[in-house]
């Protein structure tokens, strides 16, 4: 099999490019071959599925929660994540509530905690 250099030189001569033009193409081809060496290219990294790769930014508690919630339906996962943000707000509201609305705030908090337990979040 002829080298790329020989092929380019043959095409240049076939096109009627004589002497210096053909030599110029051959020099350009030699530069390209020096710049592009597929054997020196870095090896491709193997692809890892995203779902199976470990998330190293999670604490052990967060990993346990993620493992527990992996069995839940999509709707339950959404509700659990909403309760994750809602429960601290309700707890704070129950602590700061004035005596006349404290019972209602605690009732709302207990309903949210019950739903959290029923969903097995």
Foldseek 3Di string as FASTA:
>chain_A
DDDPLVVQLVVCVVVVNDDPVSVVSSVVVVVVCVVDDPVPDDDDDDDDDPVPDDDPVDDPVRVVVCVQCVPADPVLVVLLVVLVVVLVVLVVCLVPPDPVCNVVSVVVNVVSVVSNVVSRD
